[in-house]
mmCIF file of all heavy atoms, coordinates in Angstrom:
data_MODEL
# 
_entry.id   MODEL 
# 
loop_
_atom_site.group_PDB 
_atom_site.id 
_atom_site.type_symbol 
_atom_site.label_atom_id 
_atom_site.label_alt_id 
_atom_site.label_comp_id 
_atom_site.label_asym_id 
_atom_site.label_entity_id 
_atom_site.label_seq_id 
_atom_site.pdbx_PDB_ins_code 
_atom_site.Cartn_x 
_atom_site.Cartn_y 
_atom_site.Cartn_z 
_atom_site.occupancy 
_atom_site.B_iso_or_equiv 
_atom_site.pdbx_formal_charge 
_atom_site.auth_seq_id 
_atom_site.auth_comp_id 
_atom_site.auth_asym_id 
_atom_site.auth_atom_id 
_atom_site.pdbx_PDB_model_num 
ATOM 1   N N   . ARG A 1 1  ? 0.833  -1.207 0.000   1.00 0.00 ? 1  ARG A N   1 
ATOM 2   C CA  . ARG A 1 1  ? 0.000  0.000  0.000   1.00 0.00 ? 1  ARG A CA  1 
ATOM 3   C C   . ARG A 1 1  ? 0.866  1.255  0.000   1.00 0.00 ? 1  ARG A C   1 
ATOM 4   O O   . ARG A 1 1  ? 0.527  2.252  -0.646  1.00 0.00 ? 1  ARG A O   1 
ATOM 5   C CB  . ARG A 1 1  ? -0.934 0.001  1.214   1.00 0.00 ? 1  ARG A CB  1 
ATOM 6   C CG  . ARG A 1 1  ? -2.039 1.045  1.093   1.00 0.00 ? 1  ARG A CG  1 
ATOM 7   C CD  . ARG A 1 1  ? -2.994 1.028  2.255   1.00 0.00 ? 1  ARG A CD  1 
ATOM 8   N NE  . ARG A 1 1  ? -4.174 1.822  1.944   1.00 0.00 ? 1  ARG A NE  1 
ATOM 9   C CZ  . ARG A 1 1  ? -5.055 2.238  2.842   1.00 0.00 ? 1  ARG A CZ  1 
ATOM 10  N NH1 . ARG A 1 1  ? -4.907 1.923  4.117   1.00 0.00 ? 1  ARG A NH1 1 
ATOM 11  N NH2 . ARG A 1 1  ? -6.106 2.962  2.477   1.00 0.00 ? 1  ARG A NH2 1 
ATOM 12  N N   . LEU A 1 2  ? 1.978  1.216  0.709   1.00 0.00 ? 2  LEU A N   1 
ATOM 13  C CA  . LEU A 1 2  ? 2.893  2.350  0.698   1.00 0.00 ? 2  LEU A CA  1 
ATOM 14  C C   . LEU A 1 2  ? 3.400  2.612  -0.719  1.00 0.00 ? 2  LEU A C   1 
ATOM 15  O O   . LEU A 1 2  ? 3.471  3.765  -1.171  1.00 0.00 ? 2  LEU A O   1 
ATOM 16  C CB  . LEU A 1 2  ? 4.077  2.093  1.637   1.00 0.00 ? 2  LEU A CB  1 
ATOM 17  C CG  . LEU A 1 2  ? 5.191  3.145  1.623   1.00 0.00 ? 2  LEU A CG  1 
ATOM 18  C CD1 . LEU A 1 2  ? 4.655  4.515  2.014   1.00 0.00 ? 2  LEU A CD1 1 
ATOM 19  C CD2 . LEU A 1 2  ? 6.331  2.722  2.540   1.00 0.00 ? 2  LEU A CD2 1 
ATOM 20  N N   . GLY A 1 3  ? 3.749  1.539  -1.427  1.00 0.00 ? 3  GLY A N   1 
ATOM 21  C CA  . GLY A 1 3  ? 4.204  1.697  -2.797  1.00 0.00 ? 3  GLY A CA  1 
ATOM 22  C C   . GLY A 1 3  ? 3.151  2.354  -3.685  1.00 0.00 ? 3  GLY A C   1 
ATOM 23  O O   . GLY A 1 3  ? 3.462  3.218  -4.515  1.00 0.00 ? 3  GLY A O   1 
ATOM 24  N N   . LYS A 1 4  ? 1.882  1.978  -3.476  1.00 0.00 ? 4  LYS A N   1 
ATOM 25  C CA  . LYS A 1 4  ? 0.799  2.571  -4.258  1.00 0.00 ? 4  LYS A CA  1 
ATOM 26  C C   . LYS A 1 4  ? 0.607  4.042  -3.905  1.00 0.00 ? 4  LYS A C   1 
ATOM 27  O O   . LYS A 1 4  ? 0.330  4.881  -4.770  1.00 0.00 ? 4  LYS A O   1 
ATOM 28  C CB  . LYS A 1 4  ? -0.496 1.795  -4.033  1.00 0.00 ? 4  LYS A CB  1 
ATOM 29  C CG  . LYS A 1 4  ? -0.494 0.408  -4.663  1.00 0.00 ? 4  LYS A CG  1 
ATOM 30  C CD  . LYS A 1 4  ? -1.831 -0.279 -4.479  1.00 0.00 ? 4  LYS A CD  1 
ATOM 31  C CE  . LYS A 1 4  ? -1.832 -1.673 -5.113  1.00 0.00 ? 4  LYS A CE  1 
ATOM 32  N NZ  . LYS A 1 4  ? -1.652 -1.604 -6.568  1.00 0.00 ? 4  LYS A NZ  1 
ATOM 33  N N   . VAL A 1 5  ? 0.735  4.368  -2.605  1.00 0.00 ? 5  VAL A N   1 
ATOM 34  C CA  . VAL A 1 5  ? 0.629  5.768  -2.190  1.00 0.00 ? 5  VAL A CA  1 
ATOM 35  C C   . VAL A 1 5  ? 1.678  6.610  -2.906  1.00 0.00 ? 5  VAL A C   1 
ATOM 36  O O   . VAL A 1 5  ? 1.378  7.667  -3.485  1.00 0.00 ? 5  VAL A O   1 
ATOM 37  C CB  . VAL A 1 5  ? 0.803  5.895  -0.659  1.00 0.00 ? 5  VAL A CB  1 
ATOM 38  C CG1 . VAL A 1 5  ? 0.998  7.351  -0.257  1.00 0.00 ? 5  VAL A CG1 1 
ATOM 39  C CG2 . VAL A 1 5  ? -0.404 5.315  0.068   1.00 0.00 ? 5  VAL A CG2 1 
ATOM 40  N N   . LEU A 1 6  ? 2.924  6.140  -2.886  1.00 0.00 ? 6  LEU A N   1 
ATOM 41  C CA  . LEU A 1 6  ? 4.000  6.912  -3.502  1.00 0.00 ? 6  LEU A CA  1 
ATOM 42  C C   . LEU A 1 6  ? 3.818  7.021  -5.009  1.00 0.00 ? 6  LEU A C   1 
ATOM 43  O O   . LEU A 1 6  ? 4.065  8.076  -5.611  1.00 0.00 ? 6  LEU A O   1 
ATOM 44  C CB  . LEU A 1 6  ? 5.347  6.266  -3.180  1.00 0.00 ? 6  LEU A CB  1 
ATOM 45  C CG  . LEU A 1 6  ? 5.687  6.165  -1.684  1.00 0.00 ? 6  LEU A CG  1 
ATOM 46  C CD1 . LEU A 1 6  ? 7.072  5.572  -1.493  1.00 0.00 ? 6  LEU A CD1 1 
ATOM 47  C CD2 . LEU A 1 6  ? 5.594  7.514  -1.008  1.00 0.00 ? 6  LEU A CD2 1 
ATOM 48  N N   . GLU A 1 7  ? 3.389  5.946  -5.627  1.00 0.00 ? 7  GLU A N   1 
ATOM 49  C CA  . GLU A 1 7  ? 3.190  5.949  -7.074  1.00 0.00 ? 7  GLU A CA  1 
ATOM 50  C C   . GLU A 1 7  ? 2.106  6.946  -7.477  1.00 0.00 ? 7  GLU A C   1 
ATOM 51  O O   . GLU A 1 7  ? 2.286  7.752  -8.402  1.00 0.00 ? 7  GLU A O   1 
ATOM 52  C CB  . GLU A 1 7  ? 2.807  4.545  -7.543  1.00 0.00 ? 7  GLU A CB  1 
ATOM 53  C CG  . GLU A 1 7  ? 2.529  4.454  -9.044  1.00 0.00 ? 7  GLU A CG  1 
ATOM 54  C CD  . GLU A 1 7  ? 2.036  3.079  -9.438  1.00 0.00 ? 7  GLU A CD  1 
ATOM 55  O OE1 . GLU A 1 7  ? 2.336  2.107  -8.734  1.00 0.00 ? 7  GLU A OE1 1 
ATOM 56  O OE2 . GLU A 1 7  ? 1.336  2.994  -10.473 1.00 0.00 ? 7  GLU A OE2 1 
ATOM 57  N N   . LEU A 1 8  ? 0.969  6.920  -6.775  1.00 0.00 ? 8  LEU A N   1 
ATOM 58  C CA  . LEU A 1 8  ? -0.147 7.787  -7.140  1.00 0.00 ? 8  LEU A CA  1 
ATOM 59  C C   . LEU A 1 8  ? 0.148  9.247  -6.817  1.00 0.00 ? 8  LEU A C   1 
ATOM 60  O O   . LEU A 1 8  ? -0.239 10.148 -7.568  1.00 0.00 ? 8  LEU A O   1 
ATOM 61  C CB  . LEU A 1 8  ? -1.418 7.325  -6.427  1.00 0.00 ? 8  LEU A CB  1 
ATOM 62  C CG  . LEU A 1 8  ? -1.985 6.001  -6.950  1.00 0.00 ? 8  LEU A CG  1 
ATOM 63  C CD1 . LEU A 1 8  ? -3.097 5.500  -6.047  1.00 0.00 ? 8  LEU A CD1 1 
ATOM 64  C CD2 . LEU A 1 8  ? -2.507 6.176  -8.379  1.00 0.00 ? 8  LEU A CD2 1 
ATOM 65  N N   . VAL A 1 9  ? 0.839  9.496  -5.711  1.00 0.00 ? 9  VAL A N   1 
ATOM 66  C CA  . VAL A 1 9  ? 1.220  10.873 -5.377  1.00 0.00 ? 9  VAL A CA  1 
ATOM 67  C C   . VAL A 1 9  ? 2.187  11.413 -6.420  1.00 0.00 ? 9  VAL A C   1 
ATOM 68  O O   . VAL A 1 9  ? 2.105  12.571 -6.835  1.00 0.00 ? 9  VAL A O   1 
ATOM 69  C CB  . VAL A 1 9  ? 1.836  10.938 -3.966  1.00 0.00 ? 9  VAL A CB  1 
ATOM 70  C CG1 . VAL A 1 9  ? 2.471  12.301 -3.713  1.00 0.00 ? 9  VAL A CG1 1 
ATOM 71  C CG2 . VAL A 1 9  ? 0.774  10.652 -2.919  1.00 0.00 ? 9  VAL A CG2 1 
ATOM 72  N N   . ASN A 1 10 ? 3.083  10.549 -6.891  1.00 0.00 ? 10 ASN A N   1 
ATOM 73  C CA  . ASN A 1 10 ? 4.024  10.948 -7.930  1.00 0.00 ? 10 ASN A CA  1 
ATOM 74  C C   . ASN A 1 10 ? 3.293  11.328 -9.216  1.00 0.00 ? 10 ASN A C   1 
ATOM 75  O O   . ASN A 1 10 ? 3.636  12.307 -9.885  1.00 0.00 ? 10 ASN A O   1 
ATOM 76  C CB  . ASN A 1 10 ? 5.007  9.808  -8.193  1.00 0.00 ? 10 ASN A CB  1 
ATOM 77  C CG  . ASN A 1 10 ? 6.140  10.210 -9.108  1.00 0.00 ? 10 ASN A CG  1 
ATOM 78  O OD1 . ASN A 1 10 ? 6.748  11.260 -8.920  1.00 0.00 ? 10 ASN A OD1 1 
ATOM 79  N ND2 . ASN A 1 10 ? 6.430  9.384  -10.096 1.00 0.00 ? 10 ASN A ND2 1 
ATOM 80  N N   . ARG A 1 11 ? 2.252  10.584 -9.557  1.00 0.00 ? 11 ARG A N   1 
ATOM 81  C CA  . ARG A 1 11 ? 1.485  10.864 -10.768 1.00 0.00 ? 11 ARG A CA  1 
ATOM 82  C C   . ARG A 1 11 ? 0.616  12.114 -10.643 1.00 0.00 ? 11 ARG A C   1 
ATOM 83  O O   . ARG A 1 11 ? 0.212  12.698 -11.640 1.00 0.00 ? 11 ARG A O   1 
ATOM 84  C CB  . ARG A 1 11 ? 0.574  9.675  -11.082 1.00 0.00 ? 11 ARG A CB  1 
ATOM 85  C CG  . ARG A 1 11 ? 1.286  8.426  -11.562 1.00 0.00 ? 11 ARG A CG  1 
ATOM 86  C CD  . ARG A 1 11 ? 0.241  7.361  -11.855 1.00 0.00 ? 11 ARG A CD  1 
ATOM 87  N NE  . ARG A 1 11 ? 0.827  6.089  -12.226 1.00 0.00 ? 11 ARG A NE  1 
ATOM 88  C CZ  . ARG A 1 11 ? 0.108  4.991  -12.440 1.00 0.00 ? 11 ARG A CZ  1 
ATOM 89  N NH1 . ARG A 1 11 ? -1.210 5.036  -12.304 1.00 0.00 ? 11 ARG A NH1 1 
ATOM 90  N NH2 . ARG A 1 11 ? 0.697  3.859  -12.773 1.00 0.00 ? 11 ARG A NH2 1 
ATOM 91  N N   . SER A 1 12 ? 0.295  12.509 -9.411  1.00 0.00 ? 12 SER A N   1 
ATOM 92  C CA  . SER A 1 12 ? -0.673 13.589 -9.189  1.00 0.00 ? 12 SER A CA  1 
ATOM 93  C C   . SER A 1 12 ? -0.149 14.962 -9.581  1.00 0.00 ? 12 SER A C   1 
ATOM 94  O O   . SER A 1 12 ? -0.917 15.906 -9.726  1.00 0.00 ? 12 SER A O   1 
ATOM 95  C CB  . SER A 1 12 ? -1.064 13.627 -7.710  1.00 0.00 ? 12 SER A CB  1 
ATOM 96  O OG  . SER A 1 12 ? 0.006  14.139 -6.911  1.00 0.00 ? 12 SER A OG  1 
ATOM 97  N N   . ASN A 1 13 ? 1.177  15.099 -9.699  1.00 0.00 ? 13 ASN A N   1 
ATOM 98  C CA  . ASN A 1 13 ? 1.821  16.392 -9.975  1.00 0.00 ? 13 ASN A CA  1 
ATOM 99  C C   . ASN A 1 13 ? 1.642  17.399 -8.842  1.00 0.00 ? 13 ASN A C   1 
ATOM 100 O O   . ASN A 1 13 ? 1.815  18.604 -9.046  1.00 0.00 ? 13 ASN A O   1 
ATOM 101 C CB  . ASN A 1 13 ? 1.305  16.993 -11.289 1.00 0.00 ? 13 ASN A CB  1 
ATOM 102 C CG  . ASN A 1 13 ? 1.692  16.154 -12.491 1.00 0.00 ? 13 ASN A CG  1 
ATOM 103 O OD1 . ASN A 1 13 ? 2.816  15.662 -12.573 1.00 0.00 ? 13 ASN A OD1 1 
ATOM 104 N ND2 . ASN A 1 13 ? 0.757  15.968 -13.419 1.00 0.00 ? 13 ASN A ND2 1 
ATOM 105 N N   . ALA A 1 14 ? 1.310  16.915 -7.650  1.00 0.00 ? 14 ALA A N   1 
ATOM 106 C CA  . ALA A 1 14 ? 1.230  17.816 -6.497  1.00 0.00 ? 14 ALA A CA  1 
ATOM 107 C C   . ALA A 1 14 ? 2.624  18.238 -6.038  1.00 0.00 ? 14 ALA A C   1 
ATOM 108 O O   . ALA A 1 14 ? 2.796  19.278 -5.416  1.00 0.00 ? 14 ALA A O   1 
ATOM 109 C CB  . ALA A 1 14 ? 0.494  17.130 -5.347  1.00 0.00 ? 14 ALA A CB  1 
ATOM 110 N N   . GLU A 1 15 ? 3.626  17.399 -6.330  1.00 0.00 ? 15 GLU A N   1 
ATOM 111 C CA  . GLU A 1 15 ? 5.042  17.666 -6.048  1.00 0.00 ? 15 GLU A CA  1 
ATOM 112 C C   . GLU A 1 15 ? 5.323  17.998 -4.577  1.00 0.00 ? 15 GLU A C   1 
ATOM 113 O O   . GLU A 1 15 ? 5.925  19.024 -4.261  1.00 0.00 ? 15 GLU A O   1 
ATOM 114 C CB  . GLU A 1 15 ? 5.561  18.790 -6.939  1.00 0.00 ? 15 GLU A CB  1 
ATOM 115 C CG  . GLU A 1 15 ? 5.494  18.459 -8.427  1.00 0.00 ? 15 GLU A CG  1 
ATOM 116 C CD  . GLU A 1 15 ? 6.114  19.541 -9.292  1.00 0.00 ? 15 GLU A CD  1 
ATOM 117 O OE1 . GLU A 1 15 ? 6.319  20.662 -8.795  1.00 0.00 ? 15 GLU A OE1 1 
ATOM 118 O OE2 . GLU A 1 15 ? 6.405  19.245 -10.464 1.00 0.00 ? 15 GLU A OE2 1 
ATOM 119 N N   . PRO A 1 16 ? 4.911  17.138 -3.661  1.00 0.00 ? 16 PRO A N   1 
ATOM 120 C CA  . PRO A 1 16 ? 5.216  17.405 -2.248  1.00 0.00 ? 16 PRO A CA  1 
ATOM 121 C C   . PRO A 1 16 ? 6.628  16.964 -1.880  1.00 0.00 ? 16 PRO A C   1 
ATOM 122 O O   . PRO A 1 16 ? 7.189  16.057 -2.488  1.00 0.00 ? 16 PRO A O   1 
ATOM 123 C CB  . PRO A 1 16 ? 4.193  16.536 -1.514  1.00 0.00 ? 16 PRO A CB  1 
ATOM 124 C CG  . PRO A 1 16 ? 4.017  15.353 -2.433  1.00 0.00 ? 16 PRO A CG  1 
ATOM 125 C CD  . PRO A 1 16 ? 4.126  15.912 -3.840  1.00 0.00 ? 16 PRO A CD  1 
ATOM 126 N N   . ASN A 1 17 ? 7.200  17.625 -0.856  1.00 0.00 ? 17 ASN A N   1 
ATOM 127 C CA  . ASN A 1 17 ? 8.322  17.038 -0.159  1.00 0.00 ? 17 ASN A CA  1 
ATOM 128 C C   . ASN A 1 17 ? 7.763  15.912 0.697   1.00 0.00 ? 17 ASN A C   1 
ATOM 129 O O   . ASN A 1 17 ? 6.594  15.939 1.086   1.00 0.00 ? 17 ASN A O   1 
ATOM 130 C CB  . ASN A 1 17 ? 9.037  18.068 0.711   1.00 0.00 ? 17 ASN A CB  1 
ATOM 131 C CG  . ASN A 1 17 ? 9.678  19.166 -0.115  1.00 0.00 ? 17 ASN A CG  1 
ATOM 132 O OD1 . ASN A 1 17 ? 9.863  19.033 -1.329  1.00 0.00 ? 17 ASN A OD1 1 
ATOM 133 N ND2 . ASN A 1 17 ? 9.994  20.283 0.527   1.00 0.00 ? 17 ASN A ND2 1 
ATOM 134 N N   . LEU A 1 18 ? 8.601  14.956 1.026   1.00 0.00 ? 18 LEU A N   1 
ATOM 135 C CA  . LEU A 1 18 ? 8.070  13.720 1.594   1.00 0.00 ? 18 LEU A CA  1 
ATOM 136 C C   . LEU A 1 18 ? 8.980  13.160 2.673   1.00 0.00 ? 18 LEU A C   1 
ATOM 137 O O   . LEU A 1 18 ? 10.199 13.219 2.571   1.00 0.00 ? 18 LEU A O   1 
ATOM 138 C CB  . LEU A 1 18 ? 7.923  12.684 0.473   1.00 0.00 ? 18 LEU A CB  1 
ATOM 139 C CG  . LEU A 1 18 ? 7.340  11.327 0.832   1.00 0.00 ? 18 LEU A CG  1 
ATOM 140 C CD1 . LEU A 1 18 ? 5.828  11.437 0.971   1.00 0.00 ? 18 LEU A CD1 1 
ATOM 141 C CD2 . LEU A 1 18 ? 7.688  10.303 -0.242  1.00 0.00 ? 18 LEU A CD2 1 
ATOM 142 N N   . SER A 1 19 ? 8.356  12.613 3.722   1.00 0.00 ? 19 SER A N   1 
ATOM 143 C CA  . SER A 1 19 ? 9.094  11.809 4.696   1.00 0.00 ? 19 SER A CA  1 
ATOM 144 C C   . SER A 1 19 ? 8.206  10.646 5.122   1.00 0.00 ? 19 SER A C   1 
ATOM 145 O O   . SER A 1 19 ? 6.982  10.772 5.176   1.00 0.00 ? 19 SER A O   1 
ATOM 146 C CB  . SER A 1 19 ? 9.523  12.635 5.911   1.00 0.00 ? 19 SER A CB  1 
ATOM 147 O OG  . SER A 1 19 ? 8.411  13.005 6.680   1.00 0.00 ? 19 SER A OG  1 
ATOM 148 N N   . ILE A 1 20 ? 8.844  9.515  5.409   1.00 0.00 ? 20 ILE A N   1 
ATOM 149 C CA  . ILE A 1 20 ? 8.118  8.313  5.815   1.00 0.00 ? 20 ILE A CA  1 
ATOM 150 C C   . ILE A 1 20 ? 8.704  7.812  7.128   1.00 0.00 ? 20 ILE A C   1 
ATOM 151 O O   . ILE A 1 20 ? 9.932  7.666  7.257   1.00 0.00 ? 20 ILE A O   1 
ATOM 152 C CB  . ILE A 1 20 ? 8.220  7.205  4.750   1.00 0.00 ? 20 ILE A CB  1 
ATOM 153 C CG1 . ILE A 1 20 ? 7.702  7.705  3.400   1.00 0.00 ? 20 ILE A CG1 1 
ATOM 154 C CG2 . ILE A 1 20 ? 7.442  5.971  5.179   1.00 0.00 ? 20 ILE A CG2 1 
ATOM 155 C CD1 . ILE A 1 20 ? 8.001  6.752  2.251   1.00 0.00 ? 20 ILE A CD1 1 
ATOM 156 N N   . ASN A 1 21 ? 7.822  7.571  8.101   1.00 0.00 ? 21 ASN A N   1 
ATOM 157 C CA  . ASN A 1 21 ? 8.237  7.029  9.385   1.00 0.00 ? 21 ASN A CA  1 
ATOM 158 C C   . ASN A 1 21 ? 7.478  5.737  9.668   1.00 0.00 ? 21 ASN A C   1 
ATOM 159 O O   . ASN A 1 21 ? 6.385  5.516  9.135   1.00 0.00 ? 21 ASN A O   1 
ATOM 160 C CB  . ASN A 1 21 ? 7.957  8.033  10.511  1.00 0.00 ? 21 ASN A CB  1 
ATOM 161 C CG  . ASN A 1 21 ? 8.715  9.325  10.335  1.00 0.00 ? 21 ASN A CG  1 
ATOM 162 O OD1 . ASN A 1 21 ? 9.915  9.318  10.114  1.00 0.00 ? 21 ASN A OD1 1 
ATOM 163 N ND2 . ASN A 1 21 ? 8.010  10.444 10.423  1.00 0.00 ? 21 ASN A ND2 1 
ATOM 164 N N   . PHE A 1 22 ? 8.055  4.922  10.532  1.00 0.00 ? 22 PHE A N   1 
ATOM 165 C CA  . PHE A 1 22 ? 7.447  3.656  10.931  1.00 0.00 ? 22 PHE A CA  1 
ATOM 166 C C   . PHE A 1 22 ? 7.383  3.626  12.460  1.00 0.00 ? 22 PHE A C   1 
ATOM 167 O O   . PHE A 1 22 ? 8.377  3.921  13.118  1.00 0.00 ? 22 PHE A O   1 
ATOM 168 C CB  . PHE A 1 22 ? 8.270  2.480  10.411  1.00 0.00 ? 22 PHE A CB  1 
ATOM 169 C CG  . PHE A 1 22 ? 8.518  2.534  8.927   1.00 0.00 ? 22 PHE A CG  1 
ATOM 170 C CD1 . PHE A 1 22 ? 9.636  3.165  8.418   1.00 0.00 ? 22 PHE A CD1 1 
ATOM 171 C CD2 . PHE A 1 22 ? 7.613  1.975  8.039   1.00 0.00 ? 22 PHE A CD2 1 
ATOM 172 C CE1 . PHE A 1 22 ? 9.867  3.235  7.044   1.00 0.00 ? 22 PHE A CE1 1 
ATOM 173 C CE2 . PHE A 1 22 ? 7.825  2.027  6.663   1.00 0.00 ? 22 PHE A CE2 1 
ATOM 174 C CZ  . PHE A 1 22 ? 8.955  2.663  6.174   1.00 0.00 ? 22 PHE A CZ  1 
ATOM 175 N N   . LYS A 1 23 ? 6.221  3.282  13.019  1.00 0.00 ? 23 LYS A N   1 
ATOM 176 C CA  . LYS A 1 23 ? 6.087  3.390  14.468  1.00 0.00 ? 23 LYS A CA  1 
ATOM 177 C C   . LYS A 1 23 ? 5.200  2.292  15.055  1.00 0.00 ? 23 LYS A C   1 
ATOM 178 O O   . LYS A 1 23 ? 4.559  1.524  14.329  1.00 0.00 ? 23 LYS A O   1 
ATOM 179 C CB  . LYS A 1 23 ? 5.520  4.760  14.831  1.00 0.00 ? 23 LYS A CB  1 
ATOM 180 C CG  . LYS A 1 23 ? 4.099  4.998  14.375  1.00 0.00 ? 23 LYS A CG  1 
ATOM 181 C CD  . LYS A 1 23 ? 3.623  6.385  14.810  1.00 0.00 ? 23 LYS A CD  1 
ATOM 182 C CE  . LYS A 1 23 ? 2.148  6.597  14.521  1.00 0.00 ? 23 LYS A CE  1 
ATOM 183 N NZ  . LYS A 1 23 ? 1.668  7.911  14.982  1.00 0.00 ? 23 LYS A NZ  1 
ATOM 184 N N   . LEU A 1 24 ? 5.176  2.251  16.387  1.00 0.00 ? 24 LEU A N   1 
ATOM 185 C CA  . LEU A 1 24 ? 4.312  1.318  17.104  1.00 0.00 ? 24 LEU A CA  1 
ATOM 186 C C   . LEU A 1 24 ? 2.864  1.780  17.024  1.00 0.00 ? 24 LEU A C   1 
ATOM 187 O O   . LEU A 1 24 ? 2.587  2.972  16.908  1.00 0.00 ? 24 LEU A O   1 
ATOM 188 C CB  . LEU A 1 24 ? 4.727  1.241  18.574  1.00 0.00 ? 24 LEU A CB  1 
ATOM 189 C CG  . LEU A 1 24 ? 6.098  0.648  18.893  1.00 0.00 ? 24 LEU A CG  1 
ATOM 190 C CD1 . LEU A 1 24 ? 6.382  0.805  20.382  1.00 0.00 ? 24 LEU A CD1 1 
ATOM 191 C CD2 . LEU A 1 24 ? 6.160  -0.824 18.497  1.00 0.00 ? 24 LEU A CD2 1 
ATOM 192 N N   . LYS A 1 25 ? 1.957  0.829  17.142  1.00 0.00 ? 25 LYS A N   1 
ATOM 193 C CA  . LYS A 1 25 ? 0.534  1.164  17.126  1.00 0.00 ? 25 LYS A CA  1 
ATOM 194 C C   . LYS A 1 25 ? -0.001 1.396  18.537  1.00 0.00 ? 25 LYS A C   1 
ATOM 195 O O   . LYS A 1 25 ? -0.774 2.319  18.777  1.00 0.00 ? 25 LYS A O   1 
ATOM 196 C CB  . LYS A 1 25 ? -0.249 0.025  16.461  1.00 0.00 ? 25 LYS A CB  1 
ATOM 197 C CG  . LYS A 1 25 ? -1.714 0.325  16.229  1.00 0.00 ? 25 LYS A CG  1 
ATOM 198 C CD  . LYS A 1 25 ? -2.368 -0.776 15.406  1.00 0.00 ? 25 LYS A CD  1 
ATOM 199 C CE  . LYS A 1 25 ? -3.772 -0.397 14.979  1.00 0.00 ? 25 LYS A CE  1 
ATOM 200 N NZ  . LYS A 1 25 ? -4.381 -1.435 14.099  1.00 0.00 ? 25 LYS A NZ  1 
# 
C-alpha cells in the first residue's frame, strides 16, 4: 500500500516534499 501511495502521489503532480516514518501502534 505504501508503494501505491507513492506511485499515485508521484502521478498527481502535487510535487510534495516527503518523509516516511514507521512506528508502534
